[in-house]
């Protein structure tokens, strides 16, 4: 490669690195991106919502379910570690270091000797010996580096000075790249590539400090040269401009000095990162100008330019690494050195200009060309004064930069152990780093997380308490309060969050978590007061405020039309379900693919708790099926999904399948078995199966269900569980309904209501000839209306046309909703053959309602295969004890040749049907079989 091409390539590469590092620094600063992540975790709280209710004839029996309220809590996670990124950064810094060694070979003799000394110093502090080549603490690492770097550079400079630039680059980069490869190959330390990368940062750290000292007067020199160029041939009073700008800049630096030394706080000062970028950019034309008008220790100007750009690149990369890894000592060291150098050298340069050029500063002559050509002693005094002022500032700051440098080195080592998963060593080094330099944002937080990873929560708690006392940080306070909450030390968690707000009043993380603690303590007013005082609310705060209002029954503002957050919509859906309000439109569920995702399960649960169009059944069913497939979920997730399926079956009227699922749920999830038995008891009570309902209510009581009301007791009593009804009434302090009165012997006193319930309890097993007499025996008109409705739904297949019409007229007067009256109207028309049977009522293949016997019989008629008819009848008989249904079952048992099952079914029928009636049924319906 020709020299011009190589130099051009070097320029382009360095400019690209500068642009990348500069933008990365600005992004990290202004977007407040930290390696100490604070993220939200989505949690949930159950919200009891009414699912349905039905009128028993005297009372209402309600069924509740639980919806999910989503809440978001901020948690502090362990510091991030990017070993791959650190290794790439180390590789890049090493290549830039090789550029400096390459340029070193082109310096003149004295400059080369000085550079060689600096090279030896940098390699000495690099920590290469920590690679433990040929033994712990041996010097072989340093020796190999000197042989690969210094020896080729010295040989080229002393003996092969005639070599071209390209050959120099090939030799230096060849040996330079072989050096880390050899070091890594021979290393005995764990994870040597990462260790070498971290140690390389120390060399770069030192180079960055030297560069900051070099550009100490860059901004003021750049301003002076710019004004001098503008003033050539004009002669305006540029001294006023330079004096004003210089004094303002020096005043700013003075304020920054007071700020970093703790003597000033609260002033809106610019970040030093921005000033560093400006100084570095302005310093380049200043250096170019200086090379044009003064002698330099190298032959070609491009060498000096590359020296500058390479050092600038290293400086920015070091700053980026310090900010990215939250190495506070490293960033603070660069901050202090930058301010000291800018203030010290800038002040002396300002005085140097006025002392030596005050007479000609406004003359309009080309004074810029003589800026660096004064008599020797003024220029020497300017340099010496700058160094002395720098020392003064170091003393003023108690030499803190020395502590910062050594602590930064310690923290680099701690990061290495942290990334290489050696927690004990990392913990010791992090605590040591904090002990030496207290303004360290990462050290104790990392140590606390390391203690937690080693199952030592007490040490983690003590570490965080120390952090709060000496250097409180938001991430530390969040983790501290989280650990205190886990230990039920809630008041202490509140204390630390409140105190944290004194330090960080603008934080949204701390008040959000504080409000959630108040919410958990049943103090909604305090929680909502915190949300009200927050000037800025994010998505998490809005979500939690809504959840607190819903959970405690507070007024909720109407939904914003532009509200697009899915979590907010899920909570509003829960609120609509809880208050019987208008539910939002059906939310899109095509993204629900992960069973482990709480948001997915919450959306499914809340959506299925709402009445929905039956056209969406297939979509919901596919979603439930999709979430149920795949890997076996944890028990709580499995239960949540299966509960959502219960709601789906309930909403679409699949009573048979619902009862089967409830039975399986009660068996598998014993912790909530009481609720599942009560759910089944409610469904069976609504369907009028007193016998099975009483069994389920009894099981619910035995499994811990305690929400019995007077409306439950008739189903237990008339379902054959009189003793259990009495036990629940006494144990749970539930009174019998007023119409259930007992005499001195404990016998129930008969009345019209008692007769009504006795009739309802016997209705599933009644013969057709018993229906109308039972109806006529009731005195209360509203009882007759209710019973007429039940007969139509469950026994309509026994009745003639005229009886159906009369019962229909009576049932339409019953105390029920207009929706149910419309359903009864359609139902009777289907029984009478005036309307086609609706598939969703008659399709037993998907588990319809076996208690609506007329629809069961209609479904049987539509099935051509006799074996399929038998199967459907067999399934329905598991629930329904209607005599005609069972006689049909016996008939098809015989048709398909299962005479033994036919006899067995007749024997079971004899348990609730008299022998005479059973014989009559056989004669009437089985005479041809």
Foldseek 3Di string as FASTA:
>chain_A
DDPVVVLVVLVVVLVVLLVVLLVLLVCCPPVVDALFDKDKDKDWDWDKFWQDWDDLLPRIDTAIDTFIAIAIAIATDFGDFDLVVLLVLLVVLLVLVLLVLLLLLQFADVSNVVVLVLVLVLLVQLPLQCLQQVHRNDCVLSVLQCVLRVVLSVCCNPPVVVDDSVVSSCSSVVSSVVSLVVSVVRGPDPPVSSVSSLSSLLSLLVLLLVLLLVLLQLVLLLLLLVLLVVLAVPLDPCVVVSVVVLVVVLVLLVQLLCVLLVNDDDDPHDDVSVVLSVSLVSNLVVLVLCVVQDPDRGDDVSSVNSVSSSSSSSNSSSCSVCRHSQLVLSNSLSSLSNSLSNNLLNVLLSVLCCVPPVVCSSVSHSCSSCSVPDPDVSVVCSVVRSVVSSVVSCVVSVVCSVLSSVLSSLQSVLSVCVVVVNLVSNLVSLVVSCVSPVQRPNSLSNNLNSCVVVVNNVVSLVSLVVCLVRPDDPNSLSNNLVSCVVVVVNVVNLVSLVVVCVVVVLDPNSLSNNLVSCLVVVNNVVSLVSLVPHPDDDPSSVSVNLSSCQNVVHDDDDDDPPDDDLSSLLSVLSSCSRVVHDRDDQDDLPPLQELPDPSNLSSLQSNLSDQDDCVCLVVSVVSLVNNCDDDDDPPVSNLSSLVSVLSSCVNLFLLQVNLVSLVVSCVPVVLCNLSSLQVNLSSCSVLLQLQSSLVSNLVSVVSPDQPDELVSLLSNCLNPNVVSSVVNCVPNVHDHPPQFDADPVRHTDDDLVVLLSNCSNCVLADALVVQVVSLVVHDDLLSSLVSLLSCLQQPVLSDDPVSLVVSLVSVLPHPDDPVVNVVSVVSSCCLVVNDPDDCSQQVCVSRHDLRRPSSPVVNLVVDDDLVVSLVSLVSSVVSTNYPVSLLVNLQSCVVVPNNVVSVVSLVVSVVSDPPVVSVVSCVVPVVVD
